[in-house]
Protein backbone atom coordinates (compact mmCIF):
# COMPACT_ATOMS: atom_id res chain seq x y z
CA MET A 1 -12.35 -28.39 -16.53
CA ASN A 2 -10.38 -28.10 -12.97
CA HIS A 3 -7.90 -25.08 -11.81
CA LEU A 4 -6.31 -24.07 -8.73
CA LEU A 5 -6.15 -19.34 -7.25
CA ARG A 6 -4.06 -18.54 -5.42
CA LEU A 7 -4.40 -17.05 -3.14
CA THR A 8 -1.17 -15.38 -0.92
CA LEU A 9 -1.48 -12.56 2.12
CA LEU A 10 1.83 -10.04 1.59
CA GLY A 11 0.75 -8.53 4.79
CA VAL A 12 -1.63 -8.71 7.73
CA GLY A 13 -1.60 -5.85 10.05
CA ALA A 14 -3.34 -1.62 10.45
CA MET A 15 -2.05 1.18 9.29
CA ASN A 16 1.23 1.73 11.97
CA SER A 17 1.13 -3.12 13.12
CA PRO A 18 3.87 -3.08 15.40
CA ARG A 19 4.61 -6.45 13.95
CA PHE A 20 2.83 -7.29 10.11
CA ALA A 21 3.57 -5.56 7.59
CA PRO A 22 -0.08 -3.52 5.65
CA ALA A 23 -3.10 -5.90 4.62
CA GLY A 24 -2.34 -7.22 1.42
CA LEU A 25 -2.87 -9.81 -1.00
CA LEU A 26 -1.61 -11.39 -3.82
CA LEU A 27 -3.72 -13.82 -7.15
CA GLY A 28 -2.31 -16.29 -8.88
CA CYS A 29 -4.97 -18.13 -11.62
CA PRO A 30 -3.93 -19.69 -15.18
CA GLY A 31 -1.43 -17.36 -16.61
CA HIS A 32 -2.86 -14.62 -14.59
CA ARG A 33 -1.36 -12.30 -10.93
CA VAL A 34 -3.33 -9.41 -9.22
CA ALA A 35 -1.88 -8.26 -6.23
CA PHE A 36 -4.05 -5.90 -3.92
CA ASP A 37 -2.62 -3.40 -0.92
CA GLY A 38 -0.54 -4.03 0.73
CA GLY A 39 2.90 -1.44 1.02
CA PRO A 40 6.06 -1.15 2.99
CA GLY A 41 7.05 -5.14 3.44
CA ALA A 42 4.46 -6.52 1.96
CA GLU A 43 5.02 -6.34 -1.48
CA PRO A 44 3.99 -9.19 -3.92
CA PRO A 45 6.98 -11.69 -5.07
CA PRO A 46 9.35 -10.76 -8.31
CA GLY A 47 6.89 -11.26 -11.61
CA ARG A 48 4.32 -9.94 -13.61
CA LEU A 49 1.45 -8.20 -12.31
CA ASP A 50 -1.65 -7.23 -14.64
CA ALA A 51 -3.03 -5.21 -12.00
CA TRP A 52 -2.46 -3.84 -8.88
CA LEU A 53 -5.60 -3.15 -7.17
CA VAL A 54 -6.36 -0.97 -4.18
CA THR A 55 -9.49 -0.69 -1.71
CA ASP A 56 -8.63 3.07 -0.67
CA GLU A 57 -7.29 5.41 -3.65
CA GLN A 58 -6.68 8.08 -0.93
CA ALA A 59 -4.79 5.42 1.74
CA GLU A 60 -2.13 7.09 3.33
CA LEU A 61 0.23 5.13 1.66
CA ARG A 62 -1.22 5.81 -1.86
CA SER A 63 2.34 7.51 -2.86
CA GLU A 64 4.35 4.28 -1.42
CA LEU A 65 1.83 2.42 -3.79
CA ARG A 66 2.11 4.42 -6.60
CA ARG A 67 6.21 4.94 -6.47
CA ARG A 68 6.69 0.48 -5.85
CA ALA A 69 3.85 -0.59 -8.17
CA ALA A 70 5.05 2.27 -11.51
CA THR A 71 8.79 -0.02 -10.66
CA ARG A 72 6.17 -3.54 -11.93
CA GLY A 73 5.29 -1.40 -14.52
CA VAL A 74 1.14 -0.45 -13.16
CA SER A 75 -0.45 1.53 -11.43
CA PRO A 76 -2.70 1.40 -8.43
CA ARG A 77 -6.94 1.66 -8.71
CA ALA A 78 -9.05 0.76 -7.61
CA GLY A 79 -11.67 -1.13 -10.69
CA ASP A 80 -13.61 -4.53 -12.32
CA LEU A 81 -10.75 -7.41 -13.93
CA GLU A 82 -11.53 -10.16 -15.98
CA LEU A 83 -8.90 -12.53 -16.01
CA GLY A 84 -9.89 -14.92 -18.62
CA GLY A 85 -13.15 -17.16 -16.21
CA VAL A 86 -11.48 -15.42 -13.31
CA ARG A 87 -13.66 -11.92 -12.96
CA VAL A 88 -12.15 -9.49 -9.63
CA ARG A 89 -15.96 -7.60 -9.30
CA CYS A 90 -14.26 -3.90 -7.11
CA CYS A 91 -17.23 -3.63 -4.42
CA PRO A 92 -18.60 -0.97 -2.59
CA VAL A 93 -17.72 -0.40 1.44
CA ALA A 94 -19.20 1.64 3.62
CA HIS A 95 -15.97 2.62 5.83
CA THR A 96 -14.55 6.24 6.00
CA SER A 97 -16.19 9.64 4.69
CA HIS A 98 -14.69 8.92 0.23
CA PRO A 99 -14.90 6.07 -1.77
CA ALA A 100 -13.65 2.65 -0.32
CA TYR A 101 -13.69 -0.95 -1.80
CA GLY A 102 -13.62 -5.25 -1.40
CA TYR A 103 -13.30 -7.17 -3.90
CA ARG A 104 -15.69 -9.75 -4.86
CA ILE A 105 -13.20 -12.68 -6.83
CA GLU A 106 -15.11 -14.93 -8.42
CA ALA A 107 -14.04 -18.19 -10.69
CA GLY A 108 -16.48 -20.80 -11.62
CA ALA A 109 -18.83 -21.58 -8.93
CA LEU A 110 -16.08 -20.24 -6.24
CA VAL A 111 -16.39 -16.81 -4.03
CA VAL A 112 -13.94 -15.21 -2.65
CA ALA A 113 -14.00 -12.37 -0.63
CA TRP A 114 -10.68 -9.63 -0.04
CA ALA A 115 -12.86 -7.15 2.22
CA PRO A 116 -9.63 -5.91 4.83
CA GLU A 117 -11.34 -2.53 5.95
CA PHE A 118 -15.00 -2.12 6.42
CA TRP A 119 -18.06 -0.46 9.29
CA GLU A 120 -20.30 -2.40 7.67
CA PHE A 121 -20.26 -5.77 7.08
CA PRO A 122 -20.52 -6.24 2.82
CA ARG A 123 -23.28 -7.70 2.04
CA TRP A 124 -22.01 -8.72 -1.58
CA ALA A 125 -19.51 -11.34 0.62
CA ALA A 126 -22.15 -13.85 1.60
CA GLN A 127 -22.18 -17.45 1.28
CA ALA A 128 -18.08 -16.51 -0.32
CA ASP A 129 -16.12 -19.18 -0.18
CA LEU A 130 -13.36 -17.79 1.62
CA MET A 131 -13.45 -13.62 2.67
CA PHE A 132 -10.10 -11.91 3.83
CA ALA A 133 -11.63 -9.66 6.60
CA GLU A 134 -11.22 -6.26 9.25
CA ALA A 135 -9.58 -7.18 12.17
CA ALA A 136 -8.45 -3.56 13.17
CA ALA A 137 -10.29 -3.69 16.87
CA TRP A 138 -11.47 -6.26 19.31
CA ASP A 139 -14.56 -5.97 21.13
CA ARG A 140 -15.47 -2.96 21.05
CA PRO A 141 -15.76 -1.10 17.49
CA ILE A 142 -13.44 2.18 16.60
CA ARG A 143 -15.59 5.25 15.23
CA PHE A 144 -13.88 7.38 13.11
CA ARG A 145 -13.97 11.29 14.87
CA GLY A 146 -17.10 12.97 12.75
CA GLY A 147 -18.94 9.72 13.23
CA VAL A 148 -17.85 9.86 9.20
CA GLY A 149 -17.44 5.60 9.92
CA GLY A 150 -14.71 3.41 11.05
CA HIS A 151 -13.73 -0.31 11.88
CA MET A 152 -16.31 -3.52 12.34
CA CYS A 153 -14.50 -4.91 15.27
CA VAL A 154 -14.00 -8.61 15.39
CA ARG A 155 -16.75 -10.31 17.62
CA THR A 156 -19.37 -8.15 15.27
CA VAL A 157 -17.22 -9.05 12.24
CA SER A 158 -17.93 -12.88 13.53
CA GLU A 159 -21.20 -13.08 13.90
CA GLN A 160 -21.94 -11.02 10.74
CA ALA A 161 -20.18 -13.66 8.51
CA VAL A 162 -21.77 -16.69 9.91
CA ARG A 163 -25.39 -14.99 9.56
CA TYR A 164 -23.92 -14.34 5.54
CA GLY A 165 -23.09 -17.85 5.51
CA VAL A 166 -19.36 -17.27 4.90
CA ARG A 167 -18.00 -20.86 4.46
CA ARG A 168 -14.37 -19.68 5.64
CA LEU A 169 -13.21 -16.92 7.30
CA VAL A 170 -9.56 -15.04 7.79
CA TYR A 171 -8.61 -11.95 9.54
CA ALA A 172 -6.72 -9.90 7.45
CA HIS A 173 -6.11 -6.62 8.87
CA ILE A 174 -4.63 -7.63 12.24
CA GLY A 175 -5.03 -4.23 14.74
CA ARG A 176 -3.64 -2.95 18.05
CA PRO A 177 -6.21 -4.06 19.99
CA THR A 178 -6.77 -7.84 18.57
CA LEU A 179 -2.91 -7.71 18.93
CA ARG A 180 -3.52 -7.28 22.59
CA ALA A 181 -6.22 -9.58 22.66
CA ILE A 182 -4.14 -12.12 20.49
CA ASP A 183 -1.46 -11.80 23.40
CA ALA A 184 -3.93 -12.26 26.31
CA GLY A 185 -4.13 -15.65 24.42
CA LEU A 186 -7.99 -14.80 23.38
CA LYS A 187 -9.96 -16.34 20.01
CA PRO A 188 -12.62 -14.38 18.00
CA PRO A 189 -15.66 -16.84 18.67
CA ALA A 190 -15.66 -18.00 14.43
CA GLY A 191 -12.77 -17.50 11.93
CA GLU A 192 -9.38 -17.88 11.54
CA TRP A 193 -5.91 -15.64 11.96
CA GLY A 194 -4.68 -14.89 8.87
CA VAL A 195 -1.11 -16.26 8.73
CA GLU A 196 1.46 -13.66 6.58
CA GLY A 197 3.07 -15.54 4.05
CA ARG A 198 0.77 -17.85 3.10
CA THR A 199 -1.05 -19.58 0.72
CA TYR A 200 -4.68 -20.30 1.19
CA THR A 201 -5.69 -23.04 -2.81
CA LEU A 202 -8.76 -23.39 -3.90
CA ARG A 203 -10.11 -25.44 -6.63
CA TRP A 204 -12.73 -24.56 -9.30
CA ASP A 205 -14.52 -25.76 -12.25
CA ASP A 206 -14.92 -23.51 -14.73
CA SER A 207 -18.17 -25.22 -16.40
CA LEU A 208 -20.23 -23.85 -13.44
CA PRO A 209 -20.40 -20.49 -12.98
CA TRP A 210 -21.40 -18.91 -9.81
CA ASP A 211 -24.66 -17.80 -10.00
CA GLU A 212 -26.19 -21.17 -10.78
CA ARG A 213 -24.98 -22.36 -6.94
CA GLY A 214 -27.27 -23.42 -4.92
CA ALA A 215 -27.44 -20.96 -2.20
CA ASP A 216 -30.06 -23.32 -0.28
CA ALA A 217 -26.99 -25.32 0.06
CA ARG A 218 -25.50 -23.56 1.90
CA SER A 219 -27.46 -21.12 3.75
CA THR A 220 -26.24 -22.56 6.97
CA ALA A 221 -22.22 -22.64 5.86
CA SER A 222 -20.32 -20.99 9.21
CA PRO A 223 -16.41 -19.85 8.81
CA ARG A 224 -13.80 -22.04 10.47
CA ARG A 225 -13.71 -21.33 14.74
CA GLY A 226 -11.66 -19.92 15.52
CA ARG A 227 -8.35 -22.13 16.98
């Protein structure tokens, strides 16, 4: 049976963005809704939430997220989730000195990756049908003080996404260096800028689990080109 998976960007900004709300996502599938990250200006719309998942339990916005999630009857956390035929897997990413994560959403033969911050491209996002990715830096990575991680730059994210067969790449954590590139009319080699409030809808068939999908047929797939 065919179902729809709806993914709405609540925000696409990096920390303290002068233009966008904090990067956040709302997952909607039959009978369920889950929020990922977000913050002030990037809250999920009214309605029941099954969970509010985060990629960094020690993030600067953690207190704000706790307050906002409490009003919805949930607590921000990192972890796996089963939603009927949709499985949400919490996967580690290399980003900073403490544990950080991304999420692999599997629905039938469909795979979506939510990975707004990372220093190394997460291999678990390989062959994703849709990936929401890091974009804090434009053409040079941002290295954290002490050499304990940082942010991969858009140009490298683009190259790695092509290498790992991501079919559609959406930049969803846009930082100041990338804003300057956007304002200068520059475009990434592959992928597209995320748009706050935009819903990305994908159809999936619950008769075919992801691990039965032919990977070889998709090994040369490339993300949507910049525009």
